[in-house]
PDB file of N, CA and C in Angstrom:
ATOM      1  N   MET A   1     -14.617 -28.008  22.955  1.00  0.00           N
ATOM      2  CA  MET A   1     -15.337 -27.374  21.879  1.00  0.00           C
ATOM      3  C   MET A   1     -15.295 -25.858  22.032  1.00  0.00           C
ATOM      4  N   ILE A   2     -15.535 -25.372  23.254  1.00  0.00           N
ATOM      5  CA  ILE A   2     -15.527 -23.935  23.493  1.00  0.00           C
ATOM      6  C   ILE A   2     -14.124 -23.374  23.291  1.00  0.00           C
ATOM      7  N   LYS A   3     -13.111 -24.119  23.703  1.00  0.00           N
ATOM      8  CA  LYS A   3     -11.739 -23.652  23.538  1.00  0.00           C
ATOM      9  C   LYS A   3     -11.383 -23.522  22.061  1.00  0.00           C
ATOM     10  N   LYS A   4     -11.815 -24.495  21.250  1.00  0.00           N
ATOM     11  CA  LYS A   4     -11.524 -24.436  19.815  1.00  0.00           C
ATOM     12  C   LYS A   4     -12.234 -23.257  19.161  1.00  0.00           C
ATOM     13  N   THR A   5     -13.478 -23.023  19.552  1.00  0.00           N
ATOM     14  CA  THR A   5     -14.232 -21.901  18.999  1.00  0.00           C
ATOM     15  C   THR A   5     -13.588 -20.580  19.395  1.00  0.00           C
ATOM     16  N   LEU A   6     -13.200 -20.460  20.632  1.00  0.00           N
ATOM     17  CA  LEU A   6     -12.551 -19.258  21.118  1.00  0.00           C
ATOM     18  C   LEU A   6     -11.214 -19.044  20.409  1.00  0.00           C
ATOM     19  N   ALA A   7     -10.444 -20.089  20.222  1.00  0.00           N
ATOM     20  CA  ALA A   7      -9.162 -19.988  19.530  1.00  0.00           C
ATOM     21  C   ALA A   7      -9.364 -19.539  18.083  1.00  0.00           C
ATOM     22  N   ALA A   8     -10.370 -20.088  17.420  1.00  0.00           N
ATOM     23  CA  ALA A   8     -10.656 -19.700  16.038  1.00  0.00           C
ATOM     24  C   ALA A   8     -11.075 -18.242  15.963  1.00  0.00           C
ATOM     25  N   LEU A   9     -11.883 -17.789  16.892  1.00  0.00           N
ATOM     26  CA  LEU A   9     -12.324 -16.402  16.933  1.00  0.00           C
ATOM     27  C   LEU A   9     -11.148 -15.464  17.154  1.00  0.00           C
ATOM     28  N   LEU A  10     -10.271 -15.817  18.068  1.00  0.00           N
ATOM     29  CA  LEU A  10      -9.091 -14.996  18.330  1.00  0.00           C
ATOM     30  C   LEU A  10      -8.157 -14.951  17.122  1.00  0.00           C
ATOM     31  N   ALA A  11      -8.011 -16.063  16.450  1.00  0.00           N
ATOM     32  CA  ALA A  11      -7.178 -16.085  15.242  1.00  0.00           C
ATOM     33  C   ALA A  11      -7.765 -15.182  14.166  1.00  0.00           C
ATOM     34  N   PHE A  12      -9.077 -15.228  14.001  1.00  0.00           N
ATOM     35  CA  PHE A  12      -9.737 -14.378  13.024  1.00  0.00           C
ATOM     36  C   PHE A  12      -9.532 -12.904  13.354  1.00  0.00           C
ATOM     37  N   LEU A  13      -9.683 -12.542  14.630  1.00  0.00           N
ATOM     38  CA  LEU A  13      -9.502 -11.157  15.044  1.00  0.00           C
ATOM     39  C   LEU A  13      -8.064 -10.696  14.855  1.00  0.00           C
ATOM     40  N   ALA A  14      -7.121 -11.574  15.107  1.00  0.00           N
ATOM     41  CA  ALA A  14      -5.713 -11.223  14.908  1.00  0.00           C
ATOM     42  C   ALA A  14      -5.427 -10.914  13.446  1.00  0.00           C
ATOM     43  N   VAL A  15      -5.983 -11.706  12.553  1.00  0.00           N
ATOM     44  CA  VAL A  15      -5.801 -11.472  11.119  1.00  0.00           C
ATOM     45  C   VAL A  15      -6.491 -10.179  10.716  1.00  0.00           C
ATOM     46  N   ALA A  16      -7.673  -9.926  11.240  1.00  0.00           N
ATOM     47  CA  ALA A  16      -8.421  -8.710  10.898  1.00  0.00           C
ATOM     48  C   ALA A  16      -7.671  -7.456  11.342  1.00  0.00           C
ATOM     49  N   CYS A  17      -6.957  -7.535  12.436  1.00  0.00           N
ATOM     50  CA  CYS A  17      -6.203  -6.378  12.924  1.00  0.00           C
ATOM     51  C   CYS A  17      -5.063  -6.017  11.976  1.00  0.00           C
ATOM     52  N   TRP A  18      -4.525  -6.989  11.278  1.00  0.00           N
ATOM     53  CA  TRP A  18      -3.404  -6.749  10.379  1.00  0.00           C
ATOM     54  C   TRP A  18      -3.842  -6.639   8.926  1.00  0.00           C
ATOM     55  N   ALA A  19      -5.124  -6.528   8.686  1.00  0.00           N
ATOM     56  CA  ALA A  19      -5.635  -6.449   7.323  1.00  0.00           C
ATOM     57  C   ALA A  19      -5.140  -5.167   6.667  1.00  0.00           C
ATOM     58  N   ALA A  20      -4.905  -5.251   5.386  1.00  0.00           N
ATOM     59  CA  ALA A  20      -4.430  -4.102   4.630  1.00  0.00           C
ATOM     60  C   ALA A  20      -5.545  -3.076   4.462  1.00  0.00           C
ATOM     61  N   VAL A  21      -5.140  -1.835   4.278  1.00  0.00           N
ATOM     62  CA  VAL A  21      -6.067  -0.738   4.039  1.00  0.00           C
ATOM     63  C   VAL A  21      -5.918  -0.334   2.582  1.00  0.00           C
ATOM     64  N   ASP A  22      -6.988  -0.479   1.810  1.00  0.00           N
ATOM     65  CA  ASP A  22      -6.938  -0.101   0.396  1.00  0.00           C
ATOM     66  C   ASP A  22      -7.319   1.361   0.249  1.00  0.00           C
ATOM     67  N   VAL A  23      -6.470   2.110  -0.426  1.00  0.00           N
ATOM     68  CA  VAL A  23      -6.656   3.548  -0.565  1.00  0.00           C
ATOM     69  C   VAL A  23      -7.952   3.901  -1.301  1.00  0.00           C
ATOM     70  N   ASN A  24      -8.454   3.012  -2.143  1.00  0.00           N
ATOM     71  CA  ASN A  24      -9.659   3.306  -2.911  1.00  0.00           C
ATOM     72  C   ASN A  24     -10.955   3.098  -2.134  1.00  0.00           C
ATOM     73  N   THR A  25     -10.893   2.392  -1.006  1.00  0.00           N
ATOM     74  CA  THR A  25     -12.108   2.135  -0.231  1.00  0.00           C
ATOM     75  C   THR A  25     -12.010   2.647   1.196  1.00  0.00           C
ATOM     76  N   ALA A  26     -10.854   3.123   1.587  1.00  0.00           N
ATOM     77  CA  ALA A  26     -10.615   3.526   2.974  1.00  0.00           C
ATOM     78  C   ALA A  26     -11.306   4.835   3.328  1.00  0.00           C
ATOM     79  N   THR A  27     -11.703   4.929   4.583  1.00  0.00           N
ATOM     80  CA  THR A  27     -12.210   6.184   5.125  1.00  0.00           C
ATOM     81  C   THR A  27     -11.015   7.011   5.602  1.00  0.00           C
ATOM     82  N   GLU A  28     -11.279   8.238   5.994  1.00  0.00           N
ATOM     83  CA  GLU A  28     -10.201   9.078   6.520  1.00  0.00           C
ATOM     84  C   GLU A  28      -9.587   8.440   7.758  1.00  0.00           C
ATOM     85  N   ALA A  29     -10.419   7.862   8.613  1.00  0.00           N
ATOM     86  CA  ALA A  29      -9.918   7.202   9.827  1.00  0.00           C
ATOM     87  C   ALA A  29      -9.061   5.986   9.474  1.00  0.00           C
ATOM     88  N   ASP A  30      -9.475   5.230   8.454  1.00  0.00           N
ATOM     89  CA  ASP A  30      -8.683   4.071   8.018  1.00  0.00           C
ATOM     90  C   ASP A  30      -7.299   4.524   7.554  1.00  0.00           C
ATOM     91  N   LEU A  31      -7.265   5.581   6.753  1.00  0.00           N
ATOM     92  CA  LEU A  31      -5.988   6.080   6.243  1.00  0.00           C
ATOM     93  C   LEU A  31      -5.118   6.612   7.375  1.00  0.00           C
ATOM     94  N   ASP A  32      -5.733   7.336   8.309  1.00  0.00           N
ATOM     95  CA  ASP A  32      -4.984   7.878   9.443  1.00  0.00           C
ATOM     96  C   ASP A  32      -4.420   6.782  10.342  1.00  0.00           C
ATOM     97  N   SER A  33      -4.994   5.585  10.271  1.00  0.00           N
ATOM     98  CA  SER A  33      -4.500   4.485  11.106  1.00  0.00           C
ATOM     99  C   SER A  33      -3.186   3.910  10.576  1.00  0.00           C
ATOM    100  N   ILE A  34      -2.824   4.248   9.353  1.00  0.00           N
ATOM    101  CA  ILE A  34      -1.555   3.790   8.772  1.00  0.00           C
ATOM    102  C   ILE A  34      -0.434   4.683   9.281  1.00  0.00           C
ATOM    103  N   LYS A  35       0.610   4.074   9.826  1.00  0.00           N
ATOM    104  CA  LYS A  35       1.755   4.842  10.313  1.00  0.00           C
ATOM    105  C   LYS A  35       2.382   5.582   9.130  1.00  0.00           C
ATOM    106  N   GLY A  36       2.528   6.887   9.274  1.00  0.00           N
ATOM    107  CA  GLY A  36       3.105   7.699   8.208  1.00  0.00           C
ATOM    108  C   GLY A  36       2.074   8.524   7.452  1.00  0.00           C
ATOM    109  N   ILE A  37       0.784   8.284   7.746  1.00  0.00           N
ATOM    110  CA  ILE A  37      -0.277   9.076   7.127  1.00  0.00           C
ATOM    111  C   ILE A  37      -0.971   9.862   8.226  1.00  0.00           C
ATOM    112  N   GLY A  38      -0.989  11.168   8.052  1.00  0.00           N
ATOM    113  CA  GLY A  38      -1.688  12.035   8.992  1.00  0.00           C
ATOM    114  C   GLY A  38      -2.894  12.660   8.311  1.00  0.00           C
ATOM    115  N   PRO A  39      -3.555  13.578   8.990  1.00  0.00           N
ATOM    116  CA  PRO A  39      -4.744  14.210   8.424  1.00  0.00           C
ATOM    117  C   PRO A  39      -4.488  14.931   7.100  1.00  0.00           C
ATOM    118  N   GLY A  40      -3.330  15.551   6.959  1.00  0.00           N
ATOM    119  CA  GLY A  40      -3.016  16.264   5.713  1.00  0.00           C
ATOM    120  C   GLY A  40      -2.908  15.326   4.524  1.00  0.00           C
ATOM    121  N   THR A  41      -2.170  14.247   4.702  1.00  0.00           N
ATOM    122  CA  THR A  41      -1.989  13.285   3.615  1.00  0.00           C
ATOM    123  C   THR A  41      -3.279  12.545   3.301  1.00  0.00           C
ATOM    124  N   SER A  42      -4.015  12.160   4.331  1.00  0.00           N
ATOM    125  CA  SER A  42      -5.272  11.448   4.072  1.00  0.00           C
ATOM    126  C   SER A  42      -6.248  12.361   3.341  1.00  0.00           C
ATOM    127  N   GLY A  43      -6.250  13.634   3.686  1.00  0.00           N
ATOM    128  CA  GLY A  43      -7.110  14.594   2.986  1.00  0.00           C
ATOM    129  C   GLY A  43      -6.739  14.716   1.521  1.00  0.00           C
ATOM    130  N   LYS A  44      -5.432  14.758   1.235  1.00  0.00           N
ATOM    131  CA  LYS A  44      -4.970  14.831  -0.159  1.00  0.00           C
ATOM    132  C   LYS A  44      -5.373  13.579  -0.935  1.00  0.00           C
ATOM    133  N   MET A  45      -5.247  12.426  -0.281  1.00  0.00           N
ATOM    134  CA  MET A  45      -5.611  11.160  -0.938  1.00  0.00           C
ATOM    135  C   MET A  45      -7.103  11.118  -1.253  1.00  0.00           C
ATOM    136  N   LEU A  46      -7.919  11.519  -0.279  1.00  0.00           N
ATOM    137  CA  LEU A  46      -9.366  11.485  -0.486  1.00  0.00           C
ATOM    138  C   LEU A  46      -9.792  12.492  -1.549  1.00  0.00           C
ATOM    139  N   GLU A  47      -9.148  13.651  -1.570  1.00  0.00           N
ATOM    140  CA  GLU A  47      -9.469  14.670  -2.578  1.00  0.00           C
ATOM    141  C   GLU A  47      -9.113  14.167  -3.974  1.00  0.00           C
ATOM    142  N   ALA A  48      -7.940  13.562  -4.115  1.00  0.00           N
ATOM    143  CA  ALA A  48      -7.529  13.027  -5.421  1.00  0.00           C
ATOM    144  C   ALA A  48      -8.425  11.873  -5.844  1.00  0.00           C
ATOM    145  N   ARG A  49      -8.887  11.085  -4.888  1.00  0.00           N
ATOM    146  CA  ARG A  49      -9.738   9.935  -5.178  1.00  0.00           C
ATOM    147  C   ARG A  49     -11.126  10.346  -5.658  1.00  0.00           C
ATOM    148  N   LYS A  50     -11.563  11.574  -5.304  1.00  0.00           N
ATOM    149  CA  LYS A  50     -12.875  12.054  -5.741  1.00  0.00           C
ATOM    150  C   LYS A  50     -12.969  12.086  -7.264  1.00  0.00           C
ATOM    151  N   ALA A  51     -11.888  12.451  -7.929  1.00  0.00           N
ATOM    152  CA  ALA A  51     -11.884  12.519  -9.400  1.00  0.00           C
ATOM    153  C   ALA A  51     -12.076  11.139  -9.999  1.00  0.00           C
ATOM    154  N   SER A  52     -11.338  10.178  -9.494  1.00  0.00           N
ATOM    155  CA  SER A  52     -11.455   8.783  -9.926  1.00  0.00           C
ATOM    156  C   SER A  52     -10.607   7.923  -9.008  1.00  0.00           C
ATOM    157  N   PRO A  53     -10.971   6.645  -8.876  1.00  0.00           N
ATOM    158  CA  PRO A  53     -10.161   5.753  -8.031  1.00  0.00           C
ATOM    159  C   PRO A  53      -8.738   5.635  -8.595  1.00  0.00           C
ATOM    160  N   PHE A  54      -7.811   5.346  -7.715  1.00  0.00           N
ATOM    161  CA  PHE A  54      -6.425   5.159  -8.146  1.00  0.00           C
ATOM    162  C   PHE A  54      -6.316   3.837  -8.898  1.00  0.00           C
ATOM    163  N   LYS A  55      -5.657   3.863 -10.048  1.00  0.00           N
ATOM    164  CA  LYS A  55      -5.516   2.665 -10.873  1.00  0.00           C
ATOM    165  C   LYS A  55      -4.348   1.803 -10.420  1.00  0.00           C
ATOM    166  N   SER A  56      -3.326   2.457  -9.889  1.00  0.00           N
ATOM    167  CA  SER A  56      -2.109   1.747  -9.506  1.00  0.00           C
ATOM    168  C   SER A  56      -1.321   2.619  -8.537  1.00  0.00           C
ATOM    169  N   TRP A  57      -0.233   2.066  -8.030  1.00  0.00           N
ATOM    170  CA  TRP A  57       0.641   2.860  -7.169  1.00  0.00           C
ATOM    171  C   TRP A  57       1.239   4.022  -7.954  1.00  0.00           C
ATOM    172  N   ALA A  58       1.569   3.802  -9.202  1.00  0.00           N
ATOM    173  CA  ALA A  58       2.129   4.881 -10.023  1.00  0.00           C
ATOM    174  C   ALA A  58       1.130   6.031 -10.142  1.00  0.00           C
ATOM    175  N   ASP A  59      -0.136   5.699 -10.294  1.00  0.00           N
ATOM    176  CA  ASP A  59      -1.191   6.705 -10.363  1.00  0.00           C
ATOM    177  C   ASP A  59      -1.284   7.474  -9.045  1.00  0.00           C
ATOM    178  N   LEU A  60      -1.203   6.772  -7.921  1.00  0.00           N
ATOM    179  CA  LEU A  60      -1.243   7.410  -6.608  1.00  0.00           C
ATOM    180  C   LEU A  60      -0.068   8.357  -6.434  1.00  0.00           C
ATOM    181  N   VAL A  61       1.132   7.896  -6.766  1.00  0.00           N
ATOM    182  CA  VAL A  61       2.347   8.705  -6.621  1.00  0.00           C
ATOM    183  C   VAL A  61       2.242   9.957  -7.493  1.00  0.00           C
ATOM    184  N   GLU A  62       1.675   9.810  -8.676  1.00  0.00           N
ATOM    185  CA  GLU A  62       1.553  10.938  -9.600  1.00  0.00           C
ATOM    186  C   GLU A  62       0.524  11.963  -9.123  1.00  0.00           C
ATOM    187  N   ARG A  63      -0.576  11.501  -8.553  1.00  0.00           N
ATOM    188  CA  ARG A  63      -1.694  12.392  -8.229  1.00  0.00           C
ATOM    189  C   ARG A  63      -1.698  12.963  -6.825  1.00  0.00           C
ATOM    190  N   VAL A  64      -0.972  12.357  -5.890  1.00  0.00           N
ATOM    191  CA  VAL A  64      -0.972  12.841  -4.502  1.00  0.00           C
ATOM    192  C   VAL A  64       0.364  13.515  -4.201  1.00  0.00           C
ATOM    193  N   PRO A  65       0.327  14.834  -3.997  1.00  0.00           N
ATOM    194  CA  PRO A  65       1.570  15.553  -3.684  1.00  0.00           C
ATOM    195  C   PRO A  65       2.175  15.044  -2.374  1.00  0.00           C
ATOM    196  N   GLY A  66       3.497  14.948  -2.351  1.00  0.00           N
ATOM    197  CA  GLY A  66       4.189  14.516  -1.138  1.00  0.00           C
ATOM    198  C   GLY A  66       4.413  13.021  -1.047  1.00  0.00           C
ATOM    199  N   ILE A  67       3.944  12.265  -2.055  1.00  0.00           N
ATOM    200  CA  ILE A  67       4.175  10.821  -2.046  1.00  0.00           C
ATOM    201  C   ILE A  67       5.053  10.477  -3.244  1.00  0.00           C
ATOM    202  N   GLY A  68       6.238  10.021  -2.932  1.00  0.00           N
ATOM    203  CA  GLY A  68       7.168   9.557  -3.958  1.00  0.00           C
ATOM    204  C   GLY A  68       7.406   8.070  -3.780  1.00  0.00           C
ATOM    205  N   GLU A  69       8.382   7.547  -4.491  1.00  0.00           N
ATOM    206  CA  GLU A  69       8.658   6.100  -4.427  1.00  0.00           C
ATOM    207  C   GLU A  69       9.054   5.647  -3.028  1.00  0.00           C
ATOM    208  N   LYS A  70       9.905   6.422  -2.365  1.00  0.00           N
ATOM    209  CA  LYS A  70      10.385   6.037  -1.041  1.00  0.00           C
ATOM    210  C   LYS A  70       9.234   6.006  -0.030  1.00  0.00           C
ATOM    211  N   ARG A  71       8.402   7.046  -0.063  1.00  0.00           N
ATOM    212  CA  ARG A  71       7.283   7.093   0.884  1.00  0.00           C
ATOM    213  C   ARG A  71       6.234   6.038   0.544  1.00  0.00           C
ATOM    214  N   ALA A  72       6.005   5.811  -0.737  1.00  0.00           N
ATOM    215  CA  ALA A  72       5.046   4.781  -1.151  1.00  0.00           C
ATOM    216  C   ALA A  72       5.487   3.416  -0.643  1.00  0.00           C
ATOM    217  N   SER A  73       6.767   3.142  -0.724  1.00  0.00           N
ATOM    218  CA  SER A  73       7.298   1.872  -0.237  1.00  0.00           C
ATOM    219  C   SER A  73       7.075   1.734   1.266  1.00  0.00           C
ATOM    220  N   LYS A  74       7.315   2.818   2.007  1.00  0.00           N
ATOM    221  CA  LYS A  74       7.130   2.789   3.466  1.00  0.00           C
ATOM    222  C   LYS A  74       5.653   2.595   3.809  1.00  0.00           C
ATOM    223  N   LEU A  75       4.766   3.321   3.135  1.00  0.00           N
ATOM    224  CA  LEU A  75       3.332   3.197   3.417  1.00  0.00           C
ATOM    225  C   LEU A  75       2.831   1.796   3.091  1.00  0.00           C
ATOM    226  N   SER A  76       3.348   1.225   2.017  1.00  0.00           N
ATOM    227  CA  SER A  76       2.960  -0.131   1.646  1.00  0.00           C
ATOM    228  C   SER A  76       3.391  -1.121   2.723  1.00  0.00           C
ATOM    229  N   SER A  77       4.586  -0.941   3.244  1.00  0.00           N
ATOM    230  CA  SER A  77       5.064  -1.856   4.290  1.00  0.00           C
ATOM    231  C   SER A  77       4.253  -1.696   5.577  1.00  0.00           C
ATOM    232  N   GLU A  78       3.598  -0.553   5.749  1.00  0.00           N
ATOM    233  CA  GLU A  78       2.740  -0.325   6.918  1.00  0.00           C
ATOM    234  C   GLU A  78       1.324  -0.847   6.703  1.00  0.00           C
ATOM    235  N   GLY A  79       1.002  -1.297   5.463  1.00  0.00           N
ATOM    236  CA  GLY A  79      -0.309  -1.904   5.226  1.00  0.00           C
ATOM    237  C   GLY A  79      -1.176  -1.223   4.189  1.00  0.00           C
ATOM    238  N   LEU A  80      -0.712  -0.154   3.561  1.00  0.00           N
ATOM    239  CA  LEU A  80      -1.514   0.523   2.539  1.00  0.00           C
ATOM    240  C   LEU A  80      -1.407  -0.233   1.218  1.00  0.00           C
ATOM    241  N   THR A  81      -2.523  -0.393   0.536  1.00  0.00           N
ATOM    242  CA  THR A  81      -2.537  -1.034  -0.779  1.00  0.00           C
ATOM    243  C   THR A  81      -3.304  -0.167  -1.765  1.00  0.00           C
ATOM    244  N   VAL A  82      -3.076  -0.418  -3.040  1.00  0.00           N
ATOM    245  CA  VAL A  82      -3.866   0.188  -4.115  1.00  0.00           C
ATOM    246  C   VAL A  82      -4.455  -0.969  -4.899  1.00  0.00           C
ATOM    247  N   ASN A  83      -5.765  -1.077  -4.887  1.00  0.00           N
ATOM    248  CA  ASN A  83      -6.472  -2.194  -5.521  1.00  0.00           C
ATOM    249  C   ASN A  83      -5.960  -3.543  -5.014  1.00  0.00           C
ATOM    250  N   GLY A  84      -5.643  -3.585  -3.729  1.00  0.00           N
ATOM    251  CA  GLY A  84      -5.195  -4.829  -3.104  1.00  0.00           C
ATOM    252  C   GLY A  84      -3.741  -5.174  -3.358  1.00  0.00           C
ATOM    253  N   GLU A  85      -3.026  -4.319  -4.056  1.00  0.00           N
ATOM    254  CA  GLU A  85      -1.624  -4.596  -4.401  1.00  0.00           C
ATOM    255  C   GLU A  85      -0.669  -3.810  -3.511  1.00  0.00           C
ATOM    256  N   ALA A  86       0.394  -4.460  -3.082  1.00  0.00           N
ATOM    257  CA  ALA A  86       1.465  -3.786  -2.359  1.00  0.00           C
ATOM    258  C   ALA A  86       2.317  -3.025  -3.369  1.00  0.00           C
ATOM    259  N   TYR A  87       3.077  -2.063  -2.881  1.00  0.00           N
ATOM    260  CA  TYR A  87       3.923  -1.250  -3.755  1.00  0.00           C
ATOM    261  C   TYR A  87       5.124  -2.050  -4.241  1.00  0.00           C
ATOM    262  N   LYS A  88       5.368  -1.968  -5.526  1.00  0.00           N
ATOM    263  CA  LYS A  88       6.556  -2.570  -6.131  1.00  0.00           C
ATOM    264  C   LYS A  88       7.280  -1.467  -6.877  1.00  0.00           C
ATOM    265  N   PRO A  89       8.451  -1.052  -6.389  1.00  0.00           N
ATOM    266  CA  PRO A  89       9.171   0.056  -7.022  1.00  0.00           C
ATOM    267  C   PRO A  89       9.472  -0.213  -8.488  1.00  0.00           C
ATOM    268  N   ALA A  90       9.259   0.787  -9.299  1.00  0.00           N
ATOM    269  CA  ALA A  90       9.512   0.662 -10.734  1.00  0.00           C
ATOM    270  C   ALA A  90      11.004   0.503 -11.008  1.00  0.00           C
ATOM    271  N   SER A  91      11.845   1.125 -10.180  1.00  0.00           N
ATOM    272  CA  SER A  91      13.283   1.080 -10.417  1.00  0.00           C
ATOM    273  C   SER A  91      13.868  -0.318 -10.234  1.00  0.00           C
ATOM    274  N   THR A  92      13.209  -1.187  -9.473  1.00  0.00           N
ATOM    275  CA  THR A  92      13.734  -2.535  -9.275  1.00  0.00           C
ATOM    276  C   THR A  92      13.211  -3.507 -10.326  1.00  0.00           C
ATOM    277  N   ALA A  93      12.242  -3.076 -11.117  1.00  0.00           N
ATOM    278  CA  ALA A  93      11.695  -3.977 -12.132  1.00  0.00           C
ATOM    279  C   ALA A  93      12.760  -4.363 -13.155  1.00  0.00           C
ATOM    280  N   GLY A  94      13.581  -3.404 -13.574  1.00  0.00           N
ATOM    281  CA  GLY A  94      14.621  -3.695 -14.557  1.00  0.00           C
ATOM    282  C   GLY A  94      15.881  -4.251 -13.924  1.00  0.00           C
ATOM    283  N   ALA A  95      16.013  -4.123 -12.619  1.00  0.00           N
ATOM    284  CA  ALA A  95      17.222  -4.576 -11.933  1.00  0.00           C
ATOM    285  C   ALA A  95      17.348  -6.091 -11.942  1.00  0.00           C
ATOM    286  N   THR A  96      16.245  -6.798 -12.106  1.00  0.00           N
ATOM    287  CA  THR A  96      16.307  -8.248 -12.084  1.00  0.00           C
ATOM    288  C   THR A  96      16.718  -8.817 -13.441  1.00  0.00           C
ATOM    289  N   GLU A  97      16.641  -7.986 -14.476  1.00  0.00           N
ATOM    290  CA  GLU A  97      17.043  -8.459 -15.798  1.00  0.00           C
ATOM    291  C   GLU A  97      18.568  -8.470 -15.875  1.00  0.00           C
ATOM    292  N   LYS A  98      19.116  -9.500 -16.491  1.00  0.00           N
ATOM    293  CA  LYS A  98      20.563  -9.597 -16.613  1.00  0.00           C
ATOM    294  C   LYS A  98      21.025  -8.769 -17.804  1.00  0.00           C
ATOM    295  N   LYS A  99      22.155  -8.087 -17.613  1.00  0.00           N
ATOM    296  CA  LYS A  99      22.737  -7.326 -18.692  1.00  0.00           C
ATOM    297  C   LYS A  99      23.534  -8.275 -19.585  1.00  0.00           C
ATOM    298  N   PRO A 100      23.526  -8.018 -20.891  1.00  0.00           N
ATOM    299  CA  PRO A 100      24.291  -8.904 -21.775  1.00  0.00           C
ATOM    300  C   PRO A 100      25.784  -8.788 -21.480  1.00  0.00           C
ATOM    301  N   ALA A 101      26.459  -9.900 -21.537  1.00  0.00           N
ATOM    302  CA  ALA A 101      27.902  -9.924 -21.272  1.00  0.00           C
ATOM    303  C   ALA A 101      28.641  -9.312 -22.450  1.00  0.00           C
ATOM    304  N   LYS A 102      29.744  -8.602 -22.106  1.00  0.00           N
ATOM    305  CA  LYS A 102      30.561  -7.999 -23.148  1.00  0.00           C
ATOM    306  C   LYS A 102      31.384  -9.080 -23.832  1.00  0.00           C
ATOM    307  N   ALA A 103      31.512  -8.921 -25.107  1.00  0.00           N
ATOM    308  CA  ALA A 103      32.327  -9.881 -25.867  1.00  0.00           C
ATOM    309  C   ALA A 103      33.797  -9.616 -25.604  1.00  0.00           C
ATOM    310  N   THR A 104      34.555 -10.670 -25.406  1.00  0.00           N
ATOM    311  CA  THR A 104      35.989 -10.528 -25.201  1.00  0.00           C
ATOM    312  C   THR A 104      36.723 -10.999 -26.443  1.00  0.00           C
ATOM    313  N   LYS A 105      37.854 -10.405 -26.692  1.00  0.00           N
ATOM    314  CA  LYS A 105      38.642 -10.770 -27.888  1.00  0.00           C
ATOM    315  C   LYS A 105      39.777 -11.645 -27.543  1.00  0.00           C
TER     316      LYS A 105
END
C-alpha cells in the first residue's frame, strides 16, 4: 500500500515538473524557468501583458519585441503556452492544403 502511494506521488510530481507555463498567468520566475527566456524577455512579456492578456500566439509575437515565429516555436517546445495552447506556425497552416492539379492537354 505504501509503495503504491509513493509511486503515485512520484508520478504526480514528475508530471508537475513538466507542466507547461502559460504566459498569461506566469510569474517572472516562471517565465525565466523556460529555456530561451531571460530577464529581458520576461520583463517585455510582463509589460505587454499589463495592457491585456495575450489572446493567441500571434498576439504575443506581435506585441513582444524580439519574438518571431522561429523563437515562438522554440519557446513552445520548451513548455511555454498561450491560453494553454502550443505554438502552431501560421506558415504551415496552408501547407497541408493540396494545390489543384494542372490540367493536361
